Protein backbone atom coordinates (compact mmCIF):
# COMPACT_ATOMS: atom_id res chain seq x y z
CA MET A 1 0.00 0.00 0.00
CA SER A 2 1.56 3.29 -1.06
CA THR A 3 1.52 6.78 0.39
CA ASN A 4 -1.77 8.53 -0.29
CA SER A 5 -2.05 11.43 -2.74
CA SER A 6 -1.50 14.09 -0.08
CA GLY A 7 1.95 12.67 0.63
CA SER A 8 0.97 11.68 4.16
CA PRO A 9 1.43 8.09 5.40
CA VAL A 10 -1.29 5.48 5.27
CA LEU A 11 -1.18 5.04 9.05
CA SER A 12 0.01 6.84 12.16
CA LEU A 13 0.87 4.42 14.97
CA LEU A 14 0.69 6.08 18.40
CA ILE A 15 2.74 4.58 21.24
CA PRO A 16 2.24 6.20 24.69
CA ILE A 17 5.34 5.58 26.80
CA TYR A 18 6.05 6.00 30.50
CA ASN A 19 8.90 4.18 32.29
CA VAL A 20 8.66 0.99 30.29
CA GLU A 21 12.33 0.32 29.43
CA ARG A 22 11.91 -3.37 30.23
CA TYR A 23 9.48 -4.01 27.35
CA LEU A 24 10.01 -1.07 24.99
CA ARG A 25 12.44 -2.67 22.53
CA GLU A 26 10.11 -5.63 21.96
CA CYS A 27 7.26 -3.18 21.35
CA LEU A 28 9.21 -0.95 18.95
CA ASN A 29 10.68 -3.95 17.10
CA SER A 30 7.12 -5.06 16.31
CA ALA A 31 6.23 -1.55 15.12
CA VAL A 32 9.14 -1.11 12.70
CA ALA A 33 8.65 -4.67 11.37
CA GLN A 34 5.09 -4.02 10.16
CA THR A 35 4.42 -5.29 6.64
CA LEU A 36 2.43 -2.08 6.10
CA ASN A 37 5.58 -0.10 5.46
CA ASP A 38 4.08 3.34 4.88
CA ILE A 39 3.53 4.33 8.50
CA GLU A 40 4.74 6.94 10.93
CA ILE A 41 5.50 5.72 14.44
CA ILE A 42 4.80 8.44 16.99
CA CYS A 43 6.28 7.71 20.42
CA ILE A 44 4.78 9.94 23.11
CA ASN A 45 7.20 10.03 26.03
CA ASP A 46 5.19 11.10 29.08
CA GLY A 47 8.09 12.32 31.22
CA SER A 48 9.78 8.93 31.68
CA THR A 49 12.54 8.87 34.31
CA ASP A 50 14.12 5.60 33.11
CA SER A 51 15.99 4.89 29.86
CA SER A 52 12.83 4.89 27.69
CA PRO A 53 13.68 8.22 25.94
CA ASP A 54 17.17 6.92 25.07
CA ILE A 55 15.67 3.76 23.59
CA ILE A 56 13.25 5.85 21.48
CA ARG A 57 16.17 7.97 20.16
CA GLU A 58 18.05 4.79 19.31
CA TYR A 59 15.15 3.73 17.06
CA MET A 60 14.80 7.23 15.60
CA GLU A 61 18.42 7.08 14.44
CA ARG A 62 17.82 3.73 12.74
CA ASP A 63 14.40 4.42 11.19
CA SER A 64 13.18 7.80 9.93
CA ARG A 65 9.55 6.74 10.46
CA VAL A 66 10.03 6.84 14.25
CA LYS A 67 9.24 10.23 15.84
CA MET A 68 9.02 11.39 19.43
CA ILE A 69 6.86 13.80 21.36
CA ASP A 70 8.85 14.50 24.53
CA LYS A 71 6.74 16.10 27.26
CA THR A 72 6.45 16.43 30.99
CA ASN A 73 4.29 13.85 32.72
CA SER A 74 0.61 14.66 32.26
CA GLY A 75 -1.09 11.28 31.96
CA TYR A 76 -2.28 8.82 29.36
CA GLY A 77 -5.24 10.78 28.00
CA ASP A 78 -3.19 13.91 27.36
CA SER A 79 -0.44 11.81 25.74
CA MET A 80 -2.92 10.21 23.36
CA ASN A 81 -4.45 13.57 22.45
CA ARG A 82 -1.00 15.00 21.70
CA GLY A 83 -0.33 12.02 19.44
CA LEU A 84 -3.65 12.46 17.63
CA GLU A 85 -2.83 16.12 17.00
CA MET A 86 0.54 15.22 15.47
CA ALA A 87 -0.78 12.27 13.42
CA ARG A 88 -0.91 12.72 9.64
CA GLY A 89 -1.93 9.23 8.53
CA GLU A 90 -5.20 8.34 6.85
CA TYR A 91 -5.65 5.82 9.67
CA VAL A 92 -4.60 5.84 13.32
CA GLY A 93 -3.41 2.77 15.23
CA ILE A 94 -2.47 2.51 18.89
CA LEU A 95 0.16 0.29 20.51
CA GLU A 96 0.72 0.09 24.27
CA SER A 97 4.41 0.16 25.09
CA ASP A 98 4.47 -3.15 26.97
CA ASP A 99 2.60 -5.02 24.19
CA PHE A 100 3.72 -6.07 20.71
CA MET A 101 1.97 -6.64 17.37
CA ALA A 102 1.94 -9.38 14.77
CA PRO A 103 3.98 -8.26 11.73
CA ASP A 104 0.90 -8.00 9.47
CA ALA A 105 -1.42 -6.47 12.09
CA MET A 106 -1.72 -2.98 10.63
CA GLU A 107 -1.83 -4.21 7.03
CA LYS A 108 -4.74 -6.56 7.79
CA LEU A 109 -6.70 -3.95 9.75
CA VAL A 110 -6.26 -1.17 7.18
CA ALA A 111 -7.11 -3.51 4.30
CA ALA A 112 -10.30 -4.64 6.07
CA ALA A 113 -11.33 -1.03 6.76
CA GLU A 114 -10.69 -0.08 3.11
CA ARG A 115 -12.59 -3.07 1.69
CA ASN A 116 -15.61 -2.41 3.86
CA GLY A 117 -15.65 1.40 3.88
CA ALA A 118 -15.43 1.22 7.67
CA ASP A 119 -14.74 4.03 10.13
CA PHE A 120 -12.76 1.53 12.17
CA ALA A 121 -11.58 -2.08 11.96
CA LYS A 122 -11.07 -4.14 15.11
CA ALA A 123 -9.61 -7.61 15.72
CA ASN A 124 -9.09 -10.29 18.32
CA PHE A 125 -5.85 -10.47 20.31
CA ASP A 126 -3.86 -12.79 22.56
CA LEU A 127 -3.50 -12.51 26.30
CA TYR A 128 0.24 -12.97 26.74
CA TRP A 129 2.39 -14.11 29.65
CA SER A 130 6.18 -14.16 29.45
CA LYS A 131 6.65 -15.85 32.85
CA PRO A 132 6.97 -18.36 34.41
CA GLU A 133 6.99 -19.60 30.82
CA GLU A 134 5.75 -17.98 27.62
CA ARG A 135 2.10 -18.66 26.85
CA ARG A 136 -0.81 -17.16 24.95
CA GLU A 137 -4.56 -17.38 25.20
CA LEU A 138 -6.84 -16.05 22.45
CA MET A 139 -9.16 -13.26 23.57
CA GLU A 140 -11.97 -13.96 21.12
CA LEU A 141 -14.01 -10.77 21.20
CA PHE A 142 -15.41 -11.63 17.76
CA LYS A 143 -16.61 -15.02 16.54
CA ALA A 144 -15.68 -15.95 12.96
CA LYS A 145 -19.30 -15.70 11.79
CA ASP A 146 -19.42 -12.01 12.77
CA CYS A 147 -16.21 -11.05 10.98
CA GLY A 148 -15.32 -9.70 7.56
CA LYS A 149 -18.51 -7.77 6.81
CA PRO A 150 -19.56 -4.20 7.61
CA VAL A 151 -21.70 -3.76 10.73
CA HIS A 152 -23.39 -0.80 12.43
CA PRO A 153 -21.95 -1.13 15.94
CA SER A 154 -24.47 1.03 17.82
CA ASP A 155 -27.42 -1.20 16.89
CA THR A 156 -26.99 -3.38 20.00
CA VAL A 157 -25.30 -3.14 23.38
CA ASP A 158 -23.00 -6.06 22.50
CA ALA A 159 -20.25 -3.97 20.92
CA PHE A 160 -20.25 -1.47 23.78
CA ALA A 161 -19.92 -4.33 26.28
CA LEU A 162 -16.64 -5.56 24.80
CA LYS A 163 -13.34 -4.91 26.55
CA PRO A 164 -12.31 -1.50 25.11
CA SER A 165 -8.93 -2.78 23.81
CA ILE A 166 -8.38 0.38 21.74
CA TRP A 167 -5.04 -1.01 20.54
CA SER A 168 -6.50 -3.95 18.56
CA ALA A 169 -8.01 -1.57 16.02
CA VAL A 170 -7.35 1.12 13.43
CA TYR A 171 -9.51 4.24 13.06
CA ARG A 172 -10.00 6.60 10.13
CA ARG A 173 -8.38 9.80 11.28
CA ASP A 174 -10.96 12.03 9.54
CA PHE A 175 -13.72 10.13 11.40
CA LEU A 176 -12.05 10.89 14.76
CA ASN A 177 -11.43 14.53 13.83
CA ARG A 178 -14.85 15.17 12.29
CA ASN A 179 -16.53 13.94 15.47
CA ALA A 180 -13.98 15.52 17.86
CA ILE A 181 -13.31 12.11 19.43
CA ARG A 182 -10.48 12.51 21.90
CA PHE A 183 -9.39 11.13 25.27
CA LEU A 184 -10.34 12.58 28.63
CA PRO A 185 -7.08 14.28 29.70
CA THR A 186 -7.36 13.61 33.44
CA PRO A 187 -4.16 12.77 35.34
CA GLY A 188 -3.49 9.08 35.94
CA ALA A 189 -3.55 6.23 33.45
CA ALA A 190 -6.61 4.26 34.48
CA PHE A 191 -9.66 3.49 32.33
CA GLN A 192 -9.03 6.35 29.90
CA ASP A 193 -10.09 4.25 26.94
CA ALA A 194 -13.72 3.94 28.11
CA SER A 195 -15.20 7.23 26.87
CA PHE A 196 -13.07 7.19 23.69
CA THR A 197 -14.35 3.71 22.81
CA PHE A 198 -17.97 4.54 23.62
CA LYS A 199 -17.93 7.53 21.26
CA VAL A 200 -16.30 5.51 18.48
CA PHE A 201 -18.96 2.77 18.68
CA ALA A 202 -21.80 5.27 19.01
CA LEU A 203 -20.83 7.36 15.98
CA ALA A 204 -19.38 4.89 13.46
CA ASP A 205 -21.52 4.44 10.37
CA ALA A 206 -19.72 1.18 9.65
CA ALA A 207 -17.18 -1.04 11.40
CA VAL A 208 -15.59 -4.35 10.48
CA TYR A 209 -14.27 -7.07 12.78
CA LEU A 210 -11.42 -9.52 12.13
CA HIS A 211 -11.08 -12.94 13.68
CA ASP A 212 -7.27 -12.85 13.44
CA SER A 213 -5.24 -12.17 16.57
CA VAL A 214 -3.23 -9.04 15.83
CA LEU A 215 -1.50 -8.32 19.13
CA SER A 216 0.02 -9.84 22.27
CA TYR A 217 -1.50 -8.10 25.29
CA ARG A 218 0.88 -8.50 28.20
CA GLN A 219 -0.60 -9.88 31.42
CA ASP A 220 2.56 -10.09 33.52
CA ASN A 221 1.75 -6.83 35.31
CA GLU A 222 -1.98 -7.45 35.61
CA GLY A 223 -3.88 -7.92 38.84
CA SER A 224 -2.18 -5.28 40.93
CA SER A 225 -4.46 -3.26 43.18
CA VAL A 226 -5.27 0.37 42.56
CA ASN A 227 -3.42 1.92 45.47
CA SER A 228 -3.45 5.59 44.50
CA PRO A 229 -6.32 7.72 45.89
CA ASN A 230 -6.41 9.90 42.76
CA LYS A 231 -7.06 6.82 40.58
CA VAL A 232 -9.96 5.37 42.59
CA HIS A 233 -12.57 7.38 40.70
CA CYS A 234 -10.96 7.45 37.22
CA VAL A 235 -13.63 5.05 35.98
CA ASN A 236 -16.36 7.30 37.43
CA ASP A 237 -14.85 10.26 35.59
CA GLU A 238 -14.96 8.33 32.30
CA TYR A 239 -18.65 7.47 32.72
CA ALA A 240 -19.46 11.02 33.81
CA GLU A 241 -17.91 12.14 30.51
CA ILE A 242 -19.92 9.53 28.58
CA HIS A 243 -23.13 10.81 30.21
CA ARG A 244 -22.24 14.45 29.55
CA TRP A 245 -21.40 13.69 25.94
CA ILE A 246 -24.67 11.81 25.30
CA VAL A 247 -26.97 14.47 26.78
CA GLU A 248 -25.05 17.49 25.44
CA ASP A 249 -23.06 16.72 22.27
CA TYR A 250 -24.76 13.62 20.87
CA ALA A 251 -28.25 14.94 21.65
CA GLU A 252 -27.66 17.99 19.41
CA SER A 253 -27.84 15.90 16.24
CA HIS A 254 -29.77 12.77 17.26
CA SER A 255 -33.33 11.92 18.21
CA SER A 256 -34.52 11.58 21.80
CA ARG A 257 -35.03 7.88 21.05
CA ASP A 258 -31.35 7.48 20.07
CA VAL A 259 -30.28 9.43 23.17
CA ALA A 260 -32.41 7.18 25.40
CA LYS A 261 -30.92 4.07 23.77
CA LEU A 262 -27.34 5.24 24.40
CA LEU A 263 -28.09 6.19 28.01
CA ARG A 264 -29.47 2.69 28.54
CA PHE A 265 -26.41 1.09 26.92
CA ALA A 266 -24.07 3.27 28.98
CA ASN A 267 -25.62 2.18 32.26
CA ILE A 268 -25.64 -1.51 31.31
CA ILE A 269 -21.90 -1.51 30.54
CA LYS A 270 -21.17 0.82 33.45
CA TYR A 271 -22.25 -1.88 35.91
CA ASP A 272 -19.68 -4.33 34.51
CA SER A 273 -16.96 -1.67 34.38
CA TYR A 274 -17.59 -0.65 37.98
CA MET A 275 -17.54 -4.21 39.32
CA TRP A 276 -14.37 -4.96 37.31
CA SER A 277 -12.82 -1.82 38.78
CA TYR A 278 -14.01 -2.63 42.30
CA ILE A 279 -12.19 -5.96 42.47
CA ARG A 280 -8.93 -4.22 41.52
CA LEU A 281 -9.12 -1.59 44.24
CA ASN A 282 -7.08 -1.59 47.41
CA PRO A 283 -9.64 -2.70 50.06
CA LYS A 284 -9.25 0.60 51.91
CA PHE A 285 -11.12 2.27 49.01
CA TYR A 286 -14.04 -0.18 48.83
CA ALA A 287 -16.45 1.83 50.98
CA GLU A 288 -15.77 5.13 49.22
CA PHE A 289 -16.14 3.58 45.76
CA LEU A 290 -19.36 1.71 46.61
CA ASP A 291 -20.95 4.86 48.05
CA ARG A 292 -20.34 6.74 44.82
CA MET A 293 -21.45 3.77 42.71
CA ALA A 294 -24.72 3.51 44.66
CA GLN A 295 -25.36 7.24 44.36
CA GLU A 296 -24.75 7.25 40.59
CA PHE A 297 -26.95 4.24 39.85
CA HIS A 298 -29.70 5.50 42.16
CA GLY A 299 -29.74 8.72 40.12
CA ALA A 300 -29.82 6.83 36.81
CA LEU A 301 -32.72 4.64 37.97
CA GLU A 302 -34.64 7.65 39.29
CA ALA A 303 -34.16 9.40 35.92
CA HIS A 304 -35.34 6.24 34.08
CA GLU A 305 -32.13 6.12 32.07
CA PHE A 306 -32.30 2.35 32.44
CA GLU A 307 -34.12 -0.29 34.47
CA LEU A 308 -32.75 -3.04 36.69
CA THR A 309 -34.46 -5.49 34.32
CA ASP A 310 -31.96 -4.43 31.63
CA LEU A 311 -29.33 -6.41 33.55
CA LYS A 312 -28.92 -10.18 33.81
CA PRO A 313 -30.62 -11.57 36.93
CA TRP A 314 -27.54 -11.91 39.15
CA LYS A 315 -26.25 -8.47 38.16
CA ARG A 316 -29.70 -7.02 38.82
CA ALA A 317 -29.83 -8.54 42.33
CA ASN A 318 -26.29 -7.43 43.09
CA LEU A 319 -26.79 -3.85 41.95
CA LYS A 320 -30.10 -3.57 43.78
CA ALA A 321 -28.37 -4.61 47.02
CA ILE A 322 -25.54 -2.10 46.48
CA VAL A 323 -27.92 0.78 45.67
CA ASN A 324 -30.15 -0.02 48.67
CA ASP A 325 -27.30 -0.09 51.20
CA PRO A 326 -23.71 -0.06 49.91
CA GLN A 327 -22.11 -0.42 53.34
CA LYS A 328 -24.34 -3.37 54.27
CA TRP A 329 -23.40 -4.99 50.94
CA LEU A 330 -19.72 -4.43 51.77
CA ALA A 331 -20.05 -5.88 55.27
CA GLU A 332 -21.72 -9.01 53.90
CA SER A 333 -19.49 -9.31 50.82
CA SER A 334 -16.01 -8.70 52.16
CA ASP A 335 -14.60 -11.59 50.13
CA PHE A 336 -16.30 -10.66 46.81
CA ALA A 337 -13.18 -9.29 45.11
CA GLY A 338 -11.22 -12.53 45.41
CA ALA A 339 -14.09 -15.00 45.53
CA GLY A 340 -13.81 -16.68 42.13
CA ALA A 341 -16.76 -18.24 40.30
CA MET A 342 -17.93 -20.51 43.14
CA GLY A 343 -17.62 -17.77 45.73
CA ARG A 344 -19.55 -15.36 43.50
CA ALA A 345 -22.31 -17.96 43.02
CA LYS A 346 -22.73 -18.19 46.82
CA HIS A 347 -22.80 -14.42 46.98
CA TYR A 348 -25.49 -14.16 44.27
CA ALA A 349 -27.53 -16.80 46.10
CA ARG A 350 -27.50 -14.56 49.17
CA VAL A 351 -28.57 -11.39 47.33
CA GLY A 352 -30.92 -12.98 44.80
CA GLY A 353 -31.89 -16.53 45.73
CA PRO A 354 -31.46 -19.87 43.94
CA GLY A 355 -33.06 -18.72 40.65
CA VAL A 356 -30.37 -16.08 40.23
CA VAL A 357 -27.62 -18.66 40.83
CA ALA A 358 -29.14 -20.98 38.23
CA ALA A 359 -29.08 -18.16 35.66
CA PHE A 360 -25.47 -17.33 36.56
CA VAL A 361 -24.36 -20.97 36.18
CA LEU A 362 -26.22 -21.39 32.85
CA ASP A 363 -24.60 -18.26 31.50
CA ALA A 364 -21.13 -19.47 32.57
CA ILE A 365 -21.73 -22.84 30.84
CA LYS A 366 -22.79 -21.11 27.61
CA LYS A 367 -19.54 -19.15 27.55
């Protein structure tokens, strides 16, 4: 694929970087080895204090496609926005600095977007562990039967409910710019893909999914608790931005019916995001987080933005218990975060009864 008529590259690959010297060479090696040769690789150094900037310069000397934005530390969202401002490609891709891509990842994604006239193309990826021994596990967001054809992603809640995984996709840059889709530039690097992803799925006229795994998503550093007080409510900030955007920006050019649909979708996926976030918190933040969660969902239910019946039975019972009395729920569910499937089933039996557990088990079997 050659440079487009404007002389700009086919794709801008954005790599946000902060103190990741341990994995950065593996990441950058996968970027420069892409079979889609006509790319610019924009490394956004967010004030790293390790050798990451030196490693970036090393690659810049070897490959003229590698560029660097060198800035003081201001967080992931601001880094991504700076990269989007600098990008000149027809498409934009994103690569996290501790992950690495298959050599043909960008070529496959761009080709699929082109063939299908899609605003974005998105693929499956591998969960990757390098220790104690190297292993991979396919994260199959998309079944083969749903791939390779254009879809309208905002038709159902299913697309919104996927793990955001912004880095297993390419986006048309003019689509992002035309719709002013950017990241929330709050300090801290937690959950800042949520509002970006929601806007992409809500506004795309067409998307296409690929069954191929295009990336190795490193799990070695996963599972650590959120220990920083200023990161506890990052996920709340993202969903506050989603709500603001729906009722202010999106509502300007869409029907009240479309607005109501998106508010409903936002609350359905918000429950899963909040529970996923909760189990990663340091326990000292549980009470504070649950109080805010209960307050937000109480407000959404009062405003009829969604109904408890929109959730699966065990989620419905769980959320109802949290909204009714978050501190009672915490006192009775102190082991929820580390309970595992069997422990959760016992918990759902307590809040919802045996019918809820049966639904939970059936759903787990189907998966």
